[in-house]
């Protein structure tokens, strides 16, 4: 009788230890929720690229990108990051352009390139 009681007690102890380890091992599983949510996030993330805009003129120039106005000081360079296909418009008078003219659009070929304005 004592042997059966000892076997039952040790079985219960093993089950309790295993029960406390389940939450730890479930979170450590490499194919858990975290891996799936990251995969979904990277698939829906849009591709953004950086373009440098250099102002060669003696006055500040303004650009409009996605409805936001950026000021490029005279003889300075500004880096703008936007999704592919985004249009950049002149928001001030540039040499050869009036306010509202499209200067360029973000393309794969322009990644990390420098675009100069006068």
Protein backbone atom coordinates (compact mmCIF):
# COMPACT_ATOMS: atom_id res chain seq x y z
CA UNK A 1 0.00 0.00 0.00
CA UNK A 2 2.86 2.29 0.83
CA UNK A 3 4.39 1.60 -2.59
CA UNK A 4 1.18 2.64 -4.42
CA UNK A 5 0.96 5.85 -2.37
CA UNK A 6 4.59 6.68 -3.14
CA UNK A 7 4.02 6.03 -6.89
CA UNK A 8 0.93 8.25 -6.95
CA UNK A 9 2.71 11.01 -5.03
CA UNK A 10 5.72 10.94 -7.37
CA UNK A 11 3.41 10.95 -10.42
CA UNK A 12 1.57 14.00 -9.09
CA UNK A 13 4.90 15.74 -8.42
CA UNK A 14 6.04 15.07 -12.00
CA UNK A 15 2.74 16.43 -13.37
CA UNK A 16 3.02 19.59 -11.25
CA UNK A 17 6.57 20.26 -12.45
CA UNK A 18 5.54 19.65 -16.06
CA UNK A 19 2.52 21.92 -15.64
CA UNK A 20 4.65 24.80 -14.43
CA UNK A 21 7.04 24.41 -17.37
CA UNK A 22 4.35 24.50 -20.09
CA UNK A 23 3.92 28.31 -20.18
CA UNK A 24 7.70 28.85 -20.35
CA UNK A 25 8.23 26.39 -23.18
CA UNK A 26 5.16 27.61 -25.09
CA UNK A 27 6.59 31.15 -25.23
CA UNK A 28 10.02 29.87 -26.24
CA UNK A 29 8.69 27.84 -29.17
CA UNK A 30 10.21 29.32 -32.37
CA UNK A 31 7.03 28.90 -34.41
CA UNK A 32 4.78 30.61 -31.87
CA UNK A 33 2.63 33.72 -32.22
CA UNK A 34 5.56 36.12 -32.32
CA UNK A 35 7.06 34.65 -35.51
CA UNK A 36 3.71 34.78 -37.30
CA UNK A 37 2.95 38.37 -36.32
CA UNK A 38 6.38 39.56 -37.49
CA UNK A 39 5.96 37.81 -40.84
CA UNK A 40 2.64 39.56 -41.40
CA UNK A 41 4.10 42.94 -40.47
CA UNK A 42 7.00 42.66 -42.91
CA UNK A 43 4.70 41.67 -45.77
CA UNK A 44 2.48 44.75 -45.33
CA UNK A 45 5.34 47.19 -44.74
CA UNK A 46 5.78 49.58 -47.65
CA UNK A 47 9.19 50.13 -49.20
CA UNK A 48 10.64 53.51 -48.24
CA UNK A 49 13.81 54.94 -49.74
CA UNK A 50 16.01 57.90 -48.89
CA UNK A 51 16.88 60.71 -51.29
CA UNK A 52 19.15 63.64 -50.55
CA UNK A 53 18.10 67.06 -51.84
CA UNK A 54 20.89 69.62 -52.18
CA UNK A 55 20.01 73.31 -52.44
CA UNK A 56 22.61 75.04 -54.67
CA UNK A 57 20.93 78.45 -54.54
CA UNK A 58 21.61 81.43 -52.27
CA UNK A 59 18.13 81.29 -50.70
CA UNK A 60 16.14 78.68 -48.80
CA UNK A 61 13.90 76.43 -50.89
CA UNK A 62 10.76 74.60 -49.80
CA UNK A 63 9.62 71.19 -51.02
CA UNK A 64 6.29 69.45 -50.48
CA UNK A 65 6.35 65.67 -49.97
CA UNK A 66 3.16 63.77 -49.06
CA UNK A 67 1.51 67.02 -47.97
CA UNK A 68 4.38 67.95 -45.65
CA UNK A 69 6.60 70.95 -46.39
CA UNK A 70 10.38 70.61 -45.98
CA UNK A 71 12.70 73.61 -45.93
CA UNK A 72 16.14 73.15 -47.49
CA UNK A 73 18.50 75.94 -46.34
CA UNK A 74 20.82 77.59 -48.89
CA UNK A 75 23.87 75.46 -49.75
CA UNK A 76 22.61 72.64 -47.51
CA UNK A 77 21.50 69.05 -48.06
CA UNK A 78 18.35 67.46 -46.63
CA UNK A 79 17.60 63.73 -46.58
CA UNK A 80 13.97 62.80 -47.22
CA UNK A 81 12.60 59.28 -46.76
CA UNK A 82 9.34 58.35 -48.50
CA UNK A 83 7.59 55.39 -50.17
CA UNK A 84 8.31 54.51 -53.79
CA UNK A 85 6.26 56.55 -56.24
CA UNK A 86 5.93 59.57 -53.94
CA UNK A 87 6.03 62.86 -55.85
CA UNK A 88 8.11 65.84 -54.69
CA UNK A 89 6.74 69.29 -55.53
CA UNK A 90 8.31 72.74 -55.38
CA UNK A 91 6.72 74.75 -52.57
CA UNK A 92 8.70 77.88 -53.40
CA UNK A 93 10.02 79.43 -56.59
CA UNK A 94 13.11 77.54 -57.83
CA UNK A 95 15.23 78.25 -60.87
CA UNK A 96 13.15 77.02 -63.80
CA UNK A 97 10.21 75.96 -61.59
CA UNK A 98 7.22 77.64 -60.02
CA UNK A 99 5.42 76.69 -56.83
CA UNK A 100 3.48 73.47 -57.38
CA UNK A 101 5.67 72.00 -60.14
CA UNK A 102 6.61 68.36 -59.71
CA UNK A 103 10.39 68.10 -59.37
CA UNK A 104 10.76 64.29 -59.22
CA UNK A 105 9.22 61.07 -57.89
CA UNK A 106 10.84 58.48 -55.65
CA UNK A 107 12.01 55.50 -57.70
CA UNK A 108 14.20 52.47 -56.92
CA UNK A 109 16.98 53.96 -59.04
CA UNK A 110 17.05 57.10 -56.88
CA UNK A 111 17.79 55.21 -53.65
CA UNK A 112 20.45 57.15 -51.69
CA UNK A 113 20.96 59.50 -54.67
CA UNK A 114 21.37 63.28 -54.48
CA UNK A 115 18.96 65.58 -56.32
CA UNK A 116 20.09 69.21 -56.70
CA UNK A 117 17.81 72.23 -56.87
CA UNK A 118 18.74 75.83 -57.78
